Amino acid sequence: MNSGMSNHWCYKYNKQAFKSDSQRLAVSLLSSIAKRRSHLNAALVYLLEFRE
């Protein structure tokens, strides 16, 4: 559920002009982390549902 918030935060800042390359890189990394977290959460839910 937090990954949705992270994705929203990254999307919001991707739409704005960046002041530096390091700022662009930081937002890109946050976006990548949010995607990975979302995929891991989906995998865990899948495993827990089919465990029984």
PDB file of N, CA and C in Angstrom:
ATOM      1  N   MET A   1       0.813  -1.189   0.000  1.00  0.00           N
ATOM      2  CA  MET A   1       0.000   0.000   0.000  1.00  0.00           C
ATOM      3  C   MET A   1       0.856   1.252   0.000  1.00  0.00           C
ATOM      4  N   ASN A   2       1.983   1.213   0.669  1.00  0.00           N
ATOM      5  CA  ASN A   2       2.878   2.354   0.642  1.00  0.00           C
ATOM      6  C   ASN A   2       3.522   2.535  -0.718  1.00  0.00           C
ATOM      7  N   SER A   3       3.677   1.442  -1.464  1.00  0.00           N
ATOM      8  CA  SER A   3       4.295   1.560  -2.782  1.00  0.00           C
ATOM      9  C   SER A   3       3.474   2.438  -3.711  1.00  0.00           C
ATOM     10  N   GLY A   4       2.146   2.411  -3.551  1.00  0.00           N
ATOM     11  CA  GLY A   4       1.299   3.294  -4.347  1.00  0.00           C
ATOM     12  C   GLY A   4       1.586   4.748  -4.063  1.00  0.00           C
ATOM     13  N   MET A   5       1.796   5.058  -2.784  1.00  0.00           N
ATOM     14  CA  MET A   5       2.138   6.424  -2.415  1.00  0.00           C
ATOM     15  C   MET A   5       3.483   6.804  -3.003  1.00  0.00           C
ATOM     16  N   SER A   6       4.449   5.890  -2.958  1.00  0.00           N
ATOM     17  CA  SER A   6       5.769   6.176  -3.497  1.00  0.00           C
ATOM     18  C   SER A   6       5.702   6.425  -4.991  1.00  0.00           C
ATOM     19  N   ASN A   7       4.929   5.605  -5.676  1.00  0.00           N
ATOM     20  CA  ASN A   7       4.789   5.801  -7.117  1.00  0.00           C
ATOM     21  C   ASN A   7       4.161   7.139  -7.425  1.00  0.00           C
ATOM     22  N   HIS A   8       3.155   7.532  -6.648  1.00  0.00           N
ATOM     23  CA  HIS A   8       2.502   8.824  -6.858  1.00  0.00           C
ATOM     24  C   HIS A   8       3.500   9.953  -6.640  1.00  0.00           C
ATOM     25  N   TRP A   9       4.318   9.843  -5.587  1.00  0.00           N
ATOM     26  CA  TRP A   9       5.310  10.861  -5.282  1.00  0.00           C
ATOM     27  C   TRP A   9       6.303  10.999  -6.441  1.00  0.00           C
ATOM     28  N   CYS A  10       6.781   9.872  -6.956  1.00  0.00           N
ATOM     29  CA  CYS A  10       7.745   9.894  -8.057  1.00  0.00           C
ATOM     30  C   CYS A  10       7.105  10.464  -9.317  1.00  0.00           C
ATOM     31  N   TYR A  11       5.872  10.090  -9.587  1.00  0.00           N
ATOM     32  CA  TYR A  11       5.184  10.584 -10.776  1.00  0.00           C
ATOM     33  C   TYR A  11       5.043  12.095 -10.706  1.00  0.00           C
ATOM     34  N   LYS A  12       4.691  12.600  -9.542  1.00  0.00           N
ATOM     35  CA  LYS A  12       4.517  14.038  -9.348  1.00  0.00           C
ATOM     36  C   LYS A  12       5.809  14.781  -9.679  1.00  0.00           C
ATOM     37  N   TYR A  13       6.938  14.285  -9.200  1.00  0.00           N
ATOM     38  CA  TYR A  13       8.198  14.975  -9.411  1.00  0.00           C
ATOM     39  C   TYR A  13       8.787  14.709 -10.789  1.00  0.00           C
ATOM     40  N   ASN A  14       8.402  13.643 -11.447  1.00  0.00           N
ATOM     41  CA  ASN A  14       8.868  13.409 -12.810  1.00  0.00           C
ATOM     42  C   ASN A  14       8.280  14.428 -13.772  1.00  0.00           C
ATOM     43  N   LYS A  15       7.138  15.011 -13.427  1.00  0.00           N
ATOM     44  CA  LYS A  15       6.483  15.984 -14.281  1.00  0.00           C
ATOM     45  C   LYS A  15       7.090  17.386 -14.156  1.00  0.00           C
ATOM     46  N   GLN A  16       7.928  17.614 -13.158  1.00  0.00           N
ATOM     47  CA  GLN A  16       8.525  18.929 -12.950  1.00  0.00           C
ATOM     48  C   GLN A  16       9.915  18.974 -13.556  1.00  0.00           C
ATOM     49  N   ALA A  17      10.366  20.205 -13.831  1.00  0.00           N
ATOM     50  CA  ALA A  17      11.725  20.383 -14.352  1.00  0.00           C
ATOM     51  C   ALA A  17      12.723  20.099 -13.226  1.00  0.00           C
ATOM     52  N   PHE A  18      13.817  19.421 -13.552  1.00  0.00           N
ATOM     53  CA  PHE A  18      14.842  19.119 -12.563  1.00  0.00           C
ATOM     54  C   PHE A  18      15.912  20.196 -12.595  1.00  0.00           C
ATOM     55  N   LYS A  19      16.449  20.486 -11.427  1.00  0.00           N
ATOM     56  CA  LYS A  19      17.495  21.492 -11.329  1.00  0.00           C
ATOM     57  C   LYS A  19      18.866  20.911 -11.644  1.00  0.00           C
ATOM     58  N   SER A  20      19.014  19.594 -11.465  1.00  0.00           N
ATOM     59  CA  SER A  20      20.322  18.970 -11.689  1.00  0.00           C
ATOM     60  C   SER A  20      20.150  17.516 -12.092  1.00  0.00           C
ATOM     61  N   ASP A  21      21.236  16.968 -12.627  1.00  0.00           N
ATOM     62  CA  ASP A  21      21.228  15.545 -12.983  1.00  0.00           C
ATOM     63  C   ASP A  21      21.110  14.670 -11.736  1.00  0.00           C
ATOM     64  N   SER A  22      21.694  15.106 -10.631  1.00  0.00           N
ATOM     65  CA  SER A  22      21.617  14.298  -9.410  1.00  0.00           C
ATOM     66  C   SER A  22      20.183  14.233  -8.893  1.00  0.00           C
ATOM     67  N   GLN A  23      19.427  15.305  -9.071  1.00  0.00           N
ATOM     68  CA  GLN A  23      18.021  15.299  -8.669  1.00  0.00           C
ATOM     69  C   GLN A  23      17.231  14.331  -9.543  1.00  0.00           C
ATOM     70  N   ARG A  24      17.509  14.332 -10.842  1.00  0.00           N
ATOM     71  CA  ARG A  24      16.849  13.403 -11.768  1.00  0.00           C
ATOM     72  C   ARG A  24      17.190  11.963 -11.405  1.00  0.00           C
ATOM     73  N   LEU A  25      18.447  11.713 -11.070  1.00  0.00           N
ATOM     74  CA  LEU A  25      18.875  10.366 -10.688  1.00  0.00           C
ATOM     75  C   LEU A  25      18.192   9.907  -9.404  1.00  0.00           C
ATOM     76  N   ALA A  26      18.087  10.805  -8.431  1.00  0.00           N
ATOM     77  CA  ALA A  26      17.438  10.451  -7.166  1.00  0.00           C
ATOM     78  C   ALA A  26      15.982  10.047  -7.389  1.00  0.00           C
ATOM     79  N   VAL A  27      15.263  10.781  -8.205  1.00  0.00           N
ATOM     80  CA  VAL A  27      13.857  10.458  -8.467  1.00  0.00           C
ATOM     81  C   VAL A  27      13.757   9.150  -9.246  1.00  0.00           C
ATOM     82  N   SER A  28      14.679   8.933 -10.159  1.00  0.00           N
ATOM     83  CA  SER A  28      14.686   7.684 -10.913  1.00  0.00           C
ATOM     84  C   SER A  28      14.910   6.487  -9.990  1.00  0.00           C
ATOM     85  N   LEU A  29      15.836   6.630  -9.054  1.00  0.00           N
ATOM     86  CA  LEU A  29      16.100   5.549  -8.106  1.00  0.00           C
ATOM     87  C   LEU A  29      14.892   5.292  -7.208  1.00  0.00           C
ATOM     88  N   LEU A  30      14.249   6.349  -6.734  1.00  0.00           N
ATOM     89  CA  LEU A  30      13.047   6.184  -5.917  1.00  0.00           C
ATOM     90  C   LEU A  30      11.947   5.470  -6.691  1.00  0.00           C
ATOM     91  N   SER A  31      11.815   5.797  -7.956  1.00  0.00           N
ATOM     92  CA  SER A  31      10.809   5.154  -8.788  1.00  0.00           C
ATOM     93  C   SER A  31      11.110   3.663  -8.948  1.00  0.00           C
ATOM     94  N   SER A  32      12.370   3.339  -9.177  1.00  0.00           N
ATOM     95  CA  SER A  32      12.772   1.937  -9.324  1.00  0.00           C
ATOM     96  C   SER A  32      12.520   1.151  -8.042  1.00  0.00           C
ATOM     97  N   ILE A  33      12.848   1.753  -6.916  1.00  0.00           N
ATOM     98  CA  ILE A  33      12.621   1.093  -5.627  1.00  0.00           C
ATOM     99  C   ILE A  33      11.133   0.854  -5.402  1.00  0.00           C
ATOM    100  N   ALA A  34      10.314   1.845  -5.731  1.00  0.00           N
ATOM    101  CA  ALA A  34       8.857   1.703  -5.556  1.00  0.00           C
ATOM    102  C   ALA A  34       8.318   0.571  -6.427  1.00  0.00           C
ATOM    103  N   LYS A  35       8.808   0.461  -7.662  1.00  0.00           N
ATOM    104  CA  LYS A  35       8.358  -0.622  -8.550  1.00  0.00           C
ATOM    105  C   LYS A  35       8.740  -1.980  -7.989  1.00  0.00           C
ATOM    106  N   ARG A  36       9.983  -2.099  -7.527  1.00  0.00           N
ATOM    107  CA  ARG A  36      10.438  -3.378  -6.977  1.00  0.00           C
ATOM    108  C   ARG A  36       9.633  -3.764  -5.737  1.00  0.00           C
ATOM    109  N   ARG A  37       9.359  -2.783  -4.886  1.00  0.00           N
ATOM    110  CA  ARG A  37       8.568  -3.049  -3.684  1.00  0.00           C
ATOM    111  C   ARG A  37       7.179  -3.529  -4.071  1.00  0.00           C
ATOM    112  N   SER A  38       6.593  -2.908  -5.079  1.00  0.00           N
ATOM    113  CA  SER A  38       5.265  -3.296  -5.539  1.00  0.00           C
ATOM    114  C   SER A  38       5.272  -4.734  -6.058  1.00  0.00           C
ATOM    115  N   HIS A  39       6.291  -5.086  -6.832  1.00  0.00           N
ATOM    116  CA  HIS A  39       6.386  -6.440  -7.375  1.00  0.00           C
ATOM    117  C   HIS A  39       6.608  -7.465  -6.265  1.00  0.00           C
ATOM    118  N   LEU A  40       7.430  -7.111  -5.277  1.00  0.00           N
ATOM    119  CA  LEU A  40       7.650  -8.027  -4.163  1.00  0.00           C
ATOM    120  C   LEU A  40       6.375  -8.229  -3.352  1.00  0.00           C
ATOM    121  N   ASN A  41       5.636  -7.159  -3.125  1.00  0.00           N
ATOM    122  CA  ASN A  41       4.370  -7.278  -2.396  1.00  0.00           C
ATOM    123  C   ASN A  41       3.393  -8.180  -3.136  1.00  0.00           C
ATOM    124  N   ALA A  42       3.323  -8.025  -4.450  1.00  0.00           N
ATOM    125  CA  ALA A  42       2.424  -8.859  -5.250  1.00  0.00           C
ATOM    126  C   ALA A  42       2.846 -10.328  -5.173  1.00  0.00           C
ATOM    127  N   ALA A  43       4.137 -10.588  -5.210  1.00  0.00           N
ATOM    128  CA  ALA A  43       4.631 -11.964  -5.125  1.00  0.00           C
ATOM    129  C   ALA A  43       4.315 -12.571  -3.759  1.00  0.00           C
ATOM    130  N   LEU A  44       4.475 -11.778  -2.700  1.00  0.00           N
ATOM    131  CA  LEU A  44       4.169 -12.289  -1.362  1.00  0.00           C
ATOM    132  C   LEU A  44       2.688 -12.607  -1.208  1.00  0.00           C
ATOM    133  N   VAL A  45       1.839 -11.758  -1.720  1.00  0.00           N
ATOM    134  CA  VAL A  45       0.393 -12.012  -1.649  1.00  0.00           C
ATOM    135  C   VAL A  45       0.055 -13.290  -2.406  1.00  0.00           C
ATOM    136  N   TYR A  46       0.639 -13.455  -3.567  1.00  0.00           N
ATOM    137  CA  TYR A  46       0.414 -14.653  -4.375  1.00  0.00           C
ATOM    138  C   TYR A  46       0.826 -15.905  -3.595  1.00  0.00           C
ATOM    139  N   LEU A  47       2.009 -15.863  -2.986  1.00  0.00           N
ATOM    140  CA  LEU A  47       2.495 -17.020  -2.238  1.00  0.00           C
ATOM    141  C   LEU A  47       1.618 -17.321  -1.032  1.00  0.00           C
ATOM    142  N   LEU A  48       1.190 -16.283  -0.334  1.00  0.00           N
ATOM    143  CA  LEU A  48       0.353 -16.501   0.846  1.00  0.00           C
ATOM    144  C   LEU A  48      -1.028 -17.037   0.483  1.00  0.00           C
ATOM    145  N   GLU A  49      -1.587 -16.606  -0.640  1.00  0.00           N
ATOM    146  CA  GLU A  49      -2.905 -17.073  -1.045  1.00  0.00           C
ATOM    147  C   GLU A  49      -2.872 -18.555  -1.455  1.00  0.00           C
ATOM    148  N   PHE A  50      -1.814 -18.978  -2.115  1.00  0.00           N
ATOM    149  CA  PHE A  50      -1.754 -20.349  -2.616  1.00  0.00           C
ATOM    150  C   PHE A  50      -1.003 -21.286  -1.692  1.00  0.00           C
ATOM    151  N   ARG A  51      -0.633 -20.806  -0.545  1.00  0.00           N
ATOM    152  CA  ARG A  51       0.059 -21.638   0.441  1.00  0.00           C
ATOM    153  C   ARG A  51      -0.885 -22.637   1.090  1.00  0.00           C
ATOM    154  N   GLU A  52      -2.131 -22.238   1.239  1.00  0.00           N
ATOM    155  CA  GLU A  52      -3.100 -23.083   1.942  1.00  0.00           C
ATOM    156  C   GLU A  52      -3.607 -24.219   1.097  1.00  0.00           C
TER     157      GLU A  52
END
